[in-house]
Structures are given as C-alpha cells and as structure tokens.
PDB file of all heavy atoms in Angstrom:
ATOM      1  N   LEU A   1     232.230  38.159  87.794  1.00  0.00           N
ATOM      2  CA  LEU A   1     232.569  37.164  86.784  1.00  0.00           C
ATOM      3  C   LEU A   1     234.080  36.999  86.677  1.00  0.00           C
ATOM      4  O   LEU A   1     234.590  35.884  86.525  1.00  0.00           O
ATOM      5  CB  LEU A   1     231.985  37.585  85.438  1.00  0.00           C
ATOM      6  CG  LEU A   1     232.338  36.686  84.236  1.00  0.00           C
ATOM      7  CD1 LEU A   1     231.820  35.270  84.469  1.00  0.00           C
ATOM      8  CD2 LEU A   1     231.761  37.274  82.959  1.00  0.00           C
ATOM      9  N   GLY A   2     234.804  38.138  86.755  1.00  0.00           N
ATOM     10  CA  GLY A   2     236.258  38.060  86.703  1.00  0.00           C
ATOM     11  C   GLY A   2     236.827  37.244  87.841  1.00  0.00           C
ATOM     12  O   GLY A   2     237.767  36.460  87.656  1.00  0.00           O
ATOM     13  N   HIS A   3     236.258  37.398  89.033  1.00  0.00           N
ATOM     14  CA  HIS A   3     236.728  36.620  90.180  1.00  0.00           C
ATOM     15  C   HIS A   3     236.513  35.125  89.948  1.00  0.00           C
ATOM     16  O   HIS A   3     237.374  34.304  90.259  1.00  0.00           O
ATOM     17  CB  HIS A   3     235.978  37.070  91.434  1.00  0.00           C
ATOM     18  CG  HIS A   3     236.475  38.378  91.971  1.00  0.00           C
ATOM     19  ND1 HIS A   3     236.478  38.682  93.314  1.00  0.00           N
ATOM     20  CD2 HIS A   3     236.974  39.465  91.347  1.00  0.00           C
ATOM     21  CE1 HIS A   3     236.960  39.899  93.488  1.00  0.00           C
ATOM     22  NE2 HIS A   3     237.252  40.399  92.306  1.00  0.00           N
ATOM     23  N   ARG A   4     235.340  34.780  89.409  1.00  0.00           N
ATOM     24  CA  ARG A   4     235.058  33.366  89.170  1.00  0.00           C
ATOM     25  C   ARG A   4     235.988  32.785  88.104  1.00  0.00           C
ATOM     26  O   ARG A   4     236.459  31.647  88.217  1.00  0.00           O
ATOM     27  CB  ARG A   4     233.608  33.198  88.748  1.00  0.00           C
ATOM     28  CG  ARG A   4     232.619  33.527  89.863  1.00  0.00           C
ATOM     29  CD  ARG A   4     231.179  33.371  89.401  1.00  0.00           C
ATOM     30  NE  ARG A   4     230.243  33.688  90.461  1.00  0.00           N
ATOM     31  CZ  ARG A   4     228.916  33.688  90.312  1.00  0.00           C
ATOM     32  NH1 ARG A   4     228.398  33.376  89.125  1.00  0.00           N
ATOM     33  NH2 ARG A   4     228.138  33.993  91.329  1.00  0.00           N
ATOM     34  N   LEU A   5     236.246  33.572  87.049  1.00  0.00           N
ATOM     35  CA  LEU A   5     237.157  33.111  86.002  1.00  0.00           C
ATOM     36  C   LEU A   5     238.557  32.885  86.563  1.00  0.00           C
ATOM     37  O   LEU A   5     239.242  31.918  86.201  1.00  0.00           O
ATOM     38  CB  LEU A   5     237.200  34.117  84.853  1.00  0.00           C
ATOM     39  CG  LEU A   5     235.969  34.147  83.936  1.00  0.00           C
ATOM     40  CD1 LEU A   5     236.099  35.280  82.922  1.00  0.00           C
ATOM     41  CD2 LEU A   5     235.794  32.817  83.221  1.00  0.00           C
ATOM     42  N   LEU A   6     238.972  33.784  87.441  1.00  0.00           N
ATOM     43  CA  LEU A   6     240.302  33.630  88.016  1.00  0.00           C
ATOM     44  C   LEU A   6     240.398  32.375  88.866  1.00  0.00           C
ATOM     45  O   LEU A   6     241.426  31.698  88.891  1.00  0.00           O
ATOM     46  CB  LEU A   6     240.641  34.871  88.862  1.00  0.00           C
ATOM     47  CG  LEU A   6     241.069  36.103  88.060  1.00  0.00           C
ATOM     48  CD1 LEU A   6     241.241  37.294  88.989  1.00  0.00           C
ATOM     49  CD2 LEU A   6     242.357  35.844  87.328  1.00  0.00           C
ATOM     50  N   GLU A   7     239.328  32.056  89.577  1.00  0.00           N
ATOM     51  CA  GLU A   7     239.344  30.839  90.379  1.00  0.00           C
ATOM     52  C   GLU A   7     239.521  29.603  89.487  1.00  0.00           C
ATOM     53  O   GLU A   7     240.240  28.666  89.823  1.00  0.00           O
ATOM     54  CB  GLU A   7     238.043  30.736  91.175  1.00  0.00           C
ATOM     55  CG  GLU A   7     237.907  31.797  92.263  1.00  0.00           C
ATOM     56  CD  GLU A   7     236.560  31.719  92.953  1.00  0.00           C
ATOM     57  OE1 GLU A   7     235.728  30.885  92.529  1.00  0.00           O
ATOM     58  OE2 GLU A   7     236.331  32.491  93.897  1.00  0.00           O
ATOM     59  N   ILE A   8     238.832  29.650  88.329  1.00  0.00           N
ATOM     60  CA  ILE A   8     238.940  28.518  87.399  1.00  0.00           C
ATOM     61  C   ILE A   8     240.329  28.463  86.774  1.00  0.00           C
ATOM     62  O   ILE A   8     240.946  27.404  86.662  1.00  0.00           O
ATOM     63  CB  ILE A   8     237.859  28.636  86.309  1.00  0.00           C
ATOM     64  CG1 ILE A   8     236.465  28.549  86.949  1.00  0.00           C
ATOM     65  CG2 ILE A   8     238.023  27.534  85.272  1.00  0.00           C
ATOM     66  CD1 ILE A   8     235.347  28.820  85.970  1.00  0.00           C
ATOM     67  N   VAL A   9     240.825  29.630  86.374  1.00  0.00           N
ATOM     68  CA  VAL A   9     242.121  29.677  85.689  1.00  0.00           C
ATOM     69  C   VAL A   9     243.244  29.226  86.606  1.00  0.00           C
ATOM     70  O   VAL A   9     244.116  28.443  86.227  1.00  0.00           O
ATOM     71  CB  VAL A   9     242.378  31.100  85.153  1.00  0.00           C
ATOM     72  CG1 VAL A   9     243.816  31.236  84.674  1.00  0.00           C
ATOM     73  CG2 VAL A   9     241.418  31.418  84.023  1.00  0.00           C
ATOM     74  N   THR A  10     243.229  29.728  87.827  1.00  0.00           N
ATOM     75  CA  THR A  10     244.326  29.403  88.751  1.00  0.00           C
ATOM     76  C   THR A  10     244.259  27.957  89.217  1.00  0.00           C
ATOM     77  O   THR A  10     245.237  27.437  89.759  1.00  0.00           O
ATOM     78  CB  THR A  10     244.285  30.331  89.968  1.00  0.00           C
ATOM     79  OG1 THR A  10     242.966  30.296  90.548  1.00  0.00           O
ATOM     80  CG2 THR A  10     244.615  31.757  89.562  1.00  0.00           C
ATOM     81  N   ALA A  11     243.106  27.305  89.021  1.00  0.00           N
ATOM     82  CA  ALA A  11     243.002  25.899  89.400  1.00  0.00           C
ATOM     83  C   ALA A  11     243.590  24.986  88.331  1.00  0.00           C
ATOM     84  O   ALA A  11     243.792  23.800  88.570  1.00  0.00           O
ATOM     85  CB  ALA A  11     241.541  25.522  89.653  1.00  0.00           C
ATOM     86  N   SER A  12     243.834  25.542  87.156  1.00  0.00           N
ATOM     87  CA  SER A  12     244.428  24.751  86.070  1.00  0.00           C
ATOM     88  C   SER A  12     245.714  25.423  85.615  1.00  0.00           C
ATOM     89  O   SER A  12     246.315  26.207  86.358  1.00  0.00           O
ATOM     90  CB  SER A  12     243.425  24.626  84.913  1.00  0.00           C
ATOM     91  OG  SER A  12     243.085  25.911  84.428  1.00  0.00           O
ATOM     92  N   ASP A  13     246.113  25.153  84.408  1.00  0.00           N
ATOM     93  CA  ASP A  13     247.328  25.750  83.855  1.00  0.00           C
ATOM     94  C   ASP A  13     246.963  27.065  83.159  1.00  0.00           C
ATOM     95  O   ASP A  13     246.285  27.046  82.130  1.00  0.00           O
ATOM     96  CB  ASP A  13     247.970  24.801  82.856  1.00  0.00           C
ATOM     97  CG  ASP A  13     249.272  25.373  82.279  1.00  0.00           C
ATOM     98  OD1 ASP A  13     249.747  26.402  82.819  1.00  0.00           O
ATOM     99  OD2 ASP A  13     249.781  24.794  81.310  1.00  0.00           O
ATOM    100  N   PRO A  14     247.386  28.233  83.688  1.00  0.00           N
ATOM    101  CA  PRO A  14     247.017  29.503  83.065  1.00  0.00           C
ATOM    102  C   PRO A  14     247.489  29.621  81.622  1.00  0.00           C
ATOM    103  O   PRO A  14     246.845  30.257  80.804  1.00  0.00           O
ATOM    104  CB  PRO A  14     247.712  30.540  83.960  1.00  0.00           C
ATOM    105  CG  PRO A  14     247.914  29.842  85.267  1.00  0.00           C
ATOM    106  CD  PRO A  14     248.173  28.410  84.907  1.00  0.00           C
ATOM    107  N   SER A  15     248.606  28.963  81.266  1.00  0.00           N
ATOM    108  CA  SER A  15     249.147  29.089  79.913  1.00  0.00           C
ATOM    109  C   SER A  15     248.293  28.351  78.877  1.00  0.00           C
ATOM    110  O   SER A  15     248.460  28.559  77.681  1.00  0.00           O
ATOM    111  CB  SER A  15     250.581  28.546  79.870  1.00  0.00           C
ATOM    112  OG  SER A  15     250.585  27.170  80.229  1.00  0.00           O
ATOM    113  N   SER A  16     247.372  27.482  79.346  1.00  0.00           N
ATOM    114  CA  SER A  16     246.545  26.734  78.401  1.00  0.00           C
ATOM    115  C   SER A  16     245.313  27.510  77.967  1.00  0.00           C
ATOM    116  O   SER A  16     244.537  27.020  77.158  1.00  0.00           O
ATOM    117  CB  SER A  16     246.094  25.418  79.034  1.00  0.00           C
ATOM    118  OG  SER A  16     245.269  25.671  80.164  1.00  0.00           O
ATOM    119  N   THR A  17     245.094  28.705  78.499  1.00  0.00           N
ATOM    120  CA  THR A  17     243.927  29.512  78.146  1.00  0.00           C
ATOM    121  C   THR A  17     244.377  30.729  77.350  1.00  0.00           C
ATOM    122  O   THR A  17     245.560  31.046  77.262  1.00  0.00           O
ATOM    123  CB  THR A  17     243.183  29.989  79.405  1.00  0.00           C
ATOM    124  OG1 THR A  17     244.005  30.927  80.092  1.00  0.00           O
ATOM    125  CG2 THR A  17     242.859  28.830  80.317  1.00  0.00           C
ATOM    126  N   GLN A  18     243.403  31.425  76.766  1.00  0.00           N
ATOM    127  CA  GLN A  18     243.680  32.651  76.019  1.00  0.00           C
ATOM    128  C   GLN A  18     243.331  33.890  76.853  1.00  0.00           C
ATOM    129  O   GLN A  18     243.214  34.984  76.315  1.00  0.00           O
ATOM    130  CB  GLN A  18     242.870  32.659  74.718  1.00  0.00           C
ATOM    131  CG  GLN A  18     243.270  31.547  73.764  1.00  0.00           C
ATOM    132  CD  GLN A  18     242.485  31.605  72.472  1.00  0.00           C
ATOM    133  OE1 GLN A  18     241.588  32.423  72.324  1.00  0.00           O
ATOM    134  NE2 GLN A  18     242.830  30.750  71.531  1.00  0.00           N
ATOM    135  N   ILE A  19     243.145  33.712  78.142  1.00  0.00           N
ATOM    136  CA  ILE A  19     242.793  34.820  79.029  1.00  0.00           C
ATOM    137  C   ILE A  19     244.067  35.424  79.611  1.00  0.00           C
ATOM    138  O   ILE A  19     244.928  34.706  80.134  1.00  0.00           O
ATOM    139  CB  ILE A  19     241.873  34.344  80.169  1.00  0.00           C
ATOM    140  CG1 ILE A  19     240.557  33.812  79.585  1.00  0.00           C
ATOM    141  CG2 ILE A  19     241.582  35.479  81.135  1.00  0.00           C
ATOM    142  CD1 ILE A  19     239.629  33.225  80.633  1.00  0.00           C
ATOM    143  N   ASP A  20     244.197  36.730  79.509  1.00  0.00           N
ATOM    144  CA  ASP A  20     245.309  37.432  80.156  1.00  0.00           C
ATOM    145  C   ASP A  20     244.946  37.570  81.635  1.00  0.00           C
ATOM    146  O   ASP A  20     244.379  38.559  82.072  1.00  0.00           O
ATOM    147  CB  ASP A  20     245.523  38.805  79.514  1.00  0.00           C
ATOM    148  CG  ASP A  20     246.781  39.490  80.024  1.00  0.00           C
ATOM    149  OD1 ASP A  20     247.303  39.047  81.071  1.00  0.00           O
ATOM    150  OD2 ASP A  20     247.226  40.469  79.398  1.00  0.00           O
ATOM    151  N   TYR A  21     245.244  36.516  82.403  1.00  0.00           N
ATOM    152  CA  TYR A  21     244.777  36.472  83.784  1.00  0.00           C
ATOM    153  C   TYR A  21     245.433  37.541  84.650  1.00  0.00           C
ATOM    154  O   TYR A  21     244.870  38.004  85.624  1.00  0.00           O
ATOM    155  CB  TYR A  21     244.990  35.077  84.369  1.00  0.00           C
ATOM    156  CG  TYR A  21     246.433  34.748  84.687  1.00  0.00           C
ATOM    157  CD1 TYR A  21     246.934  34.916  85.969  1.00  0.00           C
ATOM    158  CD2 TYR A  21     247.294  34.280  83.698  1.00  0.00           C
ATOM    159  CE1 TYR A  21     248.247  34.605  86.257  1.00  0.00           C
ATOM    160  CE2 TYR A  21     248.601  33.968  83.979  1.00  0.00           C
ATOM    161  CZ  TYR A  21     249.077  34.142  85.265  1.00  0.00           C
ATOM    162  OH  TYR A  21     250.376  33.849  85.549  1.00  0.00           O
ATOM    163  N   ARG A  22     246.641  37.967  84.279  1.00  0.00           N
ATOM    164  CA  ARG A  22     247.291  39.002  85.071  1.00  0.00           C
ATOM    165  C   ARG A  22     246.579  40.352  84.909  1.00  0.00           C
ATOM    166  O   ARG A  22     246.333  41.072  85.882  1.00  0.00           O
ATOM    167  CB  ARG A  22     248.769  39.133  84.678  1.00  0.00           C
ATOM    168  CG  ARG A  22     249.613  37.968  85.145  1.00  0.00           C
ATOM    169  CD  ARG A  22     251.082  38.195  84.857  1.00  0.00           C
ATOM    170  NE  ARG A  22     251.871  37.108  85.404  1.00  0.00           N
ATOM    171  CZ  ARG A  22     252.308  37.069  86.653  1.00  0.00           C
ATOM    172  NH1 ARG A  22     252.033  38.046  87.477  1.00  0.00           N
ATOM    173  NH2 ARG A  22     253.022  36.038  87.082  1.00  0.00           N
ATOM    174  N   GLN A  23     246.255  40.685  83.673  1.00  0.00           N
ATOM    175  CA  GLN A  23     245.543  41.943  83.449  1.00  0.00           C
ATOM    176  C   GLN A  23     244.137  41.879  84.036  1.00  0.00           C
ATOM    177  O   GLN A  23     243.641  42.847  84.612  1.00  0.00           O
ATOM    178  CB  GLN A  23     245.466  42.248  81.954  1.00  0.00           C
ATOM    179  CG  GLN A  23     244.896  43.639  81.657  1.00  0.00           C
ATOM    180  CD  GLN A  23     244.898  43.940  80.173  1.00  0.00           C
ATOM    181  OE1 GLN A  23     244.748  43.064  79.358  1.00  0.00           O
ATOM    182  NE2 GLN A  23     245.045  45.204  79.832  1.00  0.00           N
ATOM    183  N   LEU A  24     243.486  40.717  83.925  1.00  0.00           N
ATOM    184  CA  LEU A  24     242.146  40.563  84.482  1.00  0.00           C
ATOM    185  C   LEU A  24     242.164  40.720  85.993  1.00  0.00           C
ATOM    186  O   LEU A  24     241.298  41.367  86.583  1.00  0.00           O
ATOM    187  CB  LEU A  24     241.589  39.191  84.094  1.00  0.00           C
ATOM    188  CG  LEU A  24     240.167  38.869  84.575  1.00  0.00           C
ATOM    189  CD1 LEU A  24     239.178  39.877  84.007  1.00  0.00           C
ATOM    190  CD2 LEU A  24     239.789  37.450  84.176  1.00  0.00           C
ATOM    191  N   SER A  25     243.151  40.138  86.637  1.00  0.00           N
ATOM    192  CA  SER A  25     243.249  40.262  88.092  1.00  0.00           C
ATOM    193  C   SER A  25     243.564  41.686  88.498  1.00  0.00           C
ATOM    194  O   SER A  25     243.090  42.177  89.522  1.00  0.00           O
ATOM    195  CB  SER A  25     244.329  39.310  88.619  1.00  0.00           C
ATOM    196  OG  SER A  25     245.602  39.690  88.117  1.00  0.00           O
ATOM    197  N   GLN A  26     244.340  42.382  87.681  1.00  0.00           N
ATOM    198  CA  GLN A  26     244.685  43.764  87.983  1.00  0.00           C
ATOM    199  C   GLN A  26     243.446  44.650  87.929  1.00  0.00           C
ATOM    200  O   GLN A  26     243.228  45.488  88.792  1.00  0.00           O
ATOM    201  CB  GLN A  26     245.738  44.250  86.988  1.00  0.00           C
ATOM    202  CG  GLN A  26     246.494  45.482  87.454  1.00  0.00           C
ATOM    203  CD  GLN A  26     247.624  45.802  86.496  1.00  0.00           C
ATOM    204  OE1 GLN A  26     247.474  45.749  85.278  1.00  0.00           O
ATOM    205  NE2 GLN A  26     248.783  46.140  87.028  1.00  0.00           N
ATOM    206  N   ARG A  27     242.603  44.450  86.906  1.00  0.00           N
ATOM    207  CA  ARG A  27     241.398  45.256  86.778  1.00  0.00           C
ATOM    208  C   ARG A  27     240.367  44.891  87.834  1.00  0.00           C
ATOM    209  O   ARG A  27     239.498  45.685  88.169  1.00  0.00           O
ATOM    210  CB  ARG A  27     240.795  45.077  85.388  1.00  0.00           C
ATOM    211  CG  ARG A  27     241.697  45.537  84.264  1.00  0.00           C
ATOM    212  CD  ARG A  27     240.960  45.526  82.935  1.00  0.00           C
ATOM    213  NE  ARG A  27     241.868  45.732  81.822  1.00  0.00           N
ATOM    214  CZ  ARG A  27     241.486  45.808  80.561  1.00  0.00           C
ATOM    215  NH1 ARG A  27     240.209  45.700  80.260  1.00  0.00           N
ATOM    216  NH2 ARG A  27     242.357  45.999  79.594  1.00  0.00           N
ATOM    217  N   SER A  28     240.429  43.647  88.348  1.00  0.00           N
ATOM    218  CA  SER A  28     239.476  43.198  89.355  1.00  0.00           C
ATOM    219  C   SER A  28     239.984  43.410  90.769  1.00  0.00           C
ATOM    220  O   SER A  28     239.368  42.952  91.722  1.00  0.00           O
ATOM    221  CB  SER A  28     239.169  41.709  89.146  1.00  0.00           C
ATOM    222  OG  SER A  28     238.682  41.484  87.847  1.00  0.00           O
ATOM    223  N   ASP A  29     241.129  44.094  90.896  1.00  0.00           N
ATOM    224  CA  ASP A  29     241.694  44.398  92.211  1.00  0.00           C
ATOM    225  C   ASP A  29     242.002  43.125  93.003  1.00  0.00           C
ATOM    226  O   ASP A  29     241.769  43.040  94.208  1.00  0.00           O
ATOM    227  CB  ASP A  29     240.757  45.297  93.021  1.00  0.00           C
ATOM    228  CG  ASP A  29     240.598  46.657  92.390  1.00  0.00           C
ATOM    229  OD1 ASP A  29     241.572  47.113  91.767  1.00  0.00           O
ATOM    230  OD2 ASP A  29     239.529  47.261  92.529  1.00  0.00           O
ATOM    231  N   MET A  30     242.529  42.102  92.320  1.00  0.00           N
ATOM    232  CA  MET A  30     242.931  40.882  93.003  1.00  0.00           C
ATOM    233  C   MET A  30     244.441  40.740  92.911  1.00  0.00           C
ATOM    234  O   MET A  30     245.041  41.031  91.876  1.00  0.00           O
ATOM    235  CB  MET A  30     242.249  39.655  92.366  1.00  0.00           C
ATOM    236  CG  MET A  30     240.746  39.594  92.589  1.00  0.00           C
ATOM    237  SD  MET A  30     240.049  38.019  92.044  1.00  0.00           S
ATOM    238  CE  MET A  30     240.812  36.893  93.199  1.00  0.00           C
ATOM    239  N   PRO A  31     245.079  40.291  93.985  1.00  0.00           N
ATOM    240  CA  PRO A  31     246.546  40.160  93.964  1.00  0.00           C
ATOM    241  C   PRO A  31     246.990  39.029  93.049  1.00  0.00           C
ATOM    242  O   PRO A  31     246.263  38.059  92.820  1.00  0.00           O
ATOM    243  CB  PRO A  31     246.878  39.863  95.432  1.00  0.00           C
ATOM    244  CG  PRO A  31     245.631  39.233  95.975  1.00  0.00           C
ATOM    245  CD  PRO A  31     244.488  39.904  95.268  1.00  0.00           C
ATOM    246  N   VAL A  32     248.209  39.159  92.526  1.00  0.00           N
ATOM    247  CA  VAL A  32     248.785  38.158  91.623  1.00  0.00           C
ATOM    248  C   VAL A  32     250.076  37.636  92.237  1.00  0.00           C
ATOM    249  O   VAL A  32     250.919  38.409  92.703  1.00  0.00           O
ATOM    250  CB  VAL A  32     249.063  38.777  90.231  1.00  0.00           C
ATOM    251  CG1 VAL A  32     249.680  37.729  89.317  1.00  0.00           C
ATOM    252  CG2 VAL A  32     247.776  39.306  89.627  1.00  0.00           C
ATOM    253  N   LEU A  33     250.230  36.326  92.230  1.00  0.00           N
ATOM    254  CA  LEU A  33     251.446  35.721  92.747  1.00  0.00           C
ATOM    255  C   LEU A  33     252.581  35.862  91.746  1.00  0.00           C
ATOM    256  O   LEU A  33     252.369  35.807  90.531  1.00  0.00           O
ATOM    257  CB  LEU A  33     251.203  34.238  93.045  1.00  0.00           C
ATOM    258  CG  LEU A  33     250.176  33.905  94.151  1.00  0.00           C
ATOM    259  CD1 LEU A  33     249.995  32.399  94.232  1.00  0.00           C
ATOM    260  CD2 LEU A  33     250.612  34.470  95.485  1.00  0.00           C
ATOM    261  N   THR A  34     253.780  36.023  92.280  1.00  0.00           N
ATOM    262  CA  THR A  34     254.962  36.024  91.432  1.00  0.00           C
ATOM    263  C   THR A  34     255.286  34.584  91.029  1.00  0.00           C
ATOM    264  O   THR A  34     254.804  33.620  91.656  1.00  0.00           O
ATOM    265  CB  THR A  34     256.156  36.633  92.166  1.00  0.00           C
ATOM    266  OG1 THR A  34     256.468  35.803  93.303  1.00  0.00           O
ATOM    267  CG2 THR A  34     255.825  38.044  92.642  1.00  0.00           C
ATOM    268  N   PRO A  35     256.108  34.370  89.984  1.00  0.00           N
ATOM    269  CA  PRO A  35     256.479  32.997  89.601  1.00  0.00           C
ATOM    270  C   PRO A  35     257.103  32.221  90.761  1.00  0.00           C
ATOM    271  O   PRO A  35     256.871  31.008  90.897  1.00  0.00           O
ATOM    272  CB  PRO A  35     257.470  33.216  88.450  1.00  0.00           C
ATOM    273  CG  PRO A  35     257.052  34.535  87.848  1.00  0.00           C
ATOM    274  CD  PRO A  35     256.599  35.362  89.008  1.00  0.00           C
ATOM    275  N   GLU A  36     257.898  32.890  91.596  1.00  0.00           N
ATOM    276  CA  GLU A  36     258.511  32.217  92.738  1.00  0.00           C
ATOM    277  C   GLU A  36     257.453  31.755  93.737  1.00  0.00           C
ATOM    278  O   GLU A  36     257.520  30.644  94.292  1.00  0.00           O
ATOM    279  CB  GLU A  36     259.518  33.139  93.423  1.00  0.00           C
ATOM    280  CG  GLU A  36     260.748  33.480  92.598  1.00  0.00           C
ATOM    281  CD  GLU A  36     260.462  34.537  91.535  1.00  0.00           C
ATOM    282  OE1 GLU A  36     259.356  35.122  91.588  1.00  0.00           O
ATOM    283  OE2 GLU A  36     261.320  34.760  90.654  1.00  0.00           O
ATOM    284  N   GLU A  37     256.436  32.635  93.989  1.00  0.00           N
ATOM    285  CA  GLU A  37     255.381  32.261  94.926  1.00  0.00           C
ATOM    286  C   GLU A  37     254.526  31.122  94.373  1.00  0.00           C
ATOM    287  O   GLU A  37     254.059  30.257  95.118  1.00  0.00           O
ATOM    288  CB  GLU A  37     254.501  33.475  95.233  1.00  0.00           C
ATOM    289  CG  GLU A  37     255.232  34.551  96.032  1.00  0.00           C
ATOM    290  CD  GLU A  37     254.423  35.834  96.143  1.00  0.00           C
ATOM    291  OE1 GLU A  37     253.587  36.083  95.236  1.00  0.00           O
ATOM    292  OE2 GLU A  37     254.611  36.577  97.122  1.00  0.00           O
ATOM    293  N   VAL A  38     254.310  31.115  93.050  1.00  0.00           N
ATOM    294  CA  VAL A  38     253.560  30.024  92.439  1.00  0.00           C
ATOM    295  C   VAL A  38     254.299  28.706  92.605  1.00  0.00           C
ATOM    296  O   VAL A  38     253.709  27.659  92.941  1.00  0.00           O
ATOM    297  CB  VAL A  38     253.314  30.320  90.942  1.00  0.00           C
ATOM    298  CG1 VAL A  38     252.714  29.101  90.248  1.00  0.00           C
ATOM    299  CG2 VAL A  38     252.396  31.523  90.783  1.00  0.00           C
ATOM    300  N   GLU A  39     255.615  28.719  92.380  1.00  0.00           N
ATOM    301  CA  GLU A  39     256.424  27.510  92.526  1.00  0.00           C
ATOM    302  C   GLU A  39     256.421  27.026  93.969  1.00  0.00           C
ATOM    303  O   GLU A  39     256.322  25.812  94.238  1.00  0.00           O
ATOM    304  CB  GLU A  39     257.853  27.790  92.060  1.00  0.00           C
ATOM    305  CG  GLU A  39     258.796  26.600  92.165  1.00  0.00           C
ATOM    306  CD  GLU A  39     258.353  25.436  91.285  1.00  0.00           C
ATOM    307  OE1 GLU A  39     257.647  25.680  90.291  1.00  0.00           O
ATOM    308  OE2 GLU A  39     258.728  24.286  91.600  1.00  0.00           O
TER     309      GLU A  39
END
C-alpha cells in the first residue's frame, strides 16, 4: 500500500497532501530523490 501511495503522491504535488512521503518511503525501503534531482 505504501508503494502505491508513493506512486500517487510523486505523480502530483507532495506538498498538497498530509502524508510524510519521505518517512513513508524510508519505512518502505524506497529511495527518495533530493530536491536537486527532483528539479
């Protein structure tokens, strides 16, 4: 479920949700892009 939520979150604006996507990705063993990589 965490993986699916991350797919949805990263497809939109993460700041518009109340999900701590960084912590969720950390617990789900998924890599997180840095702000530079996102840009």
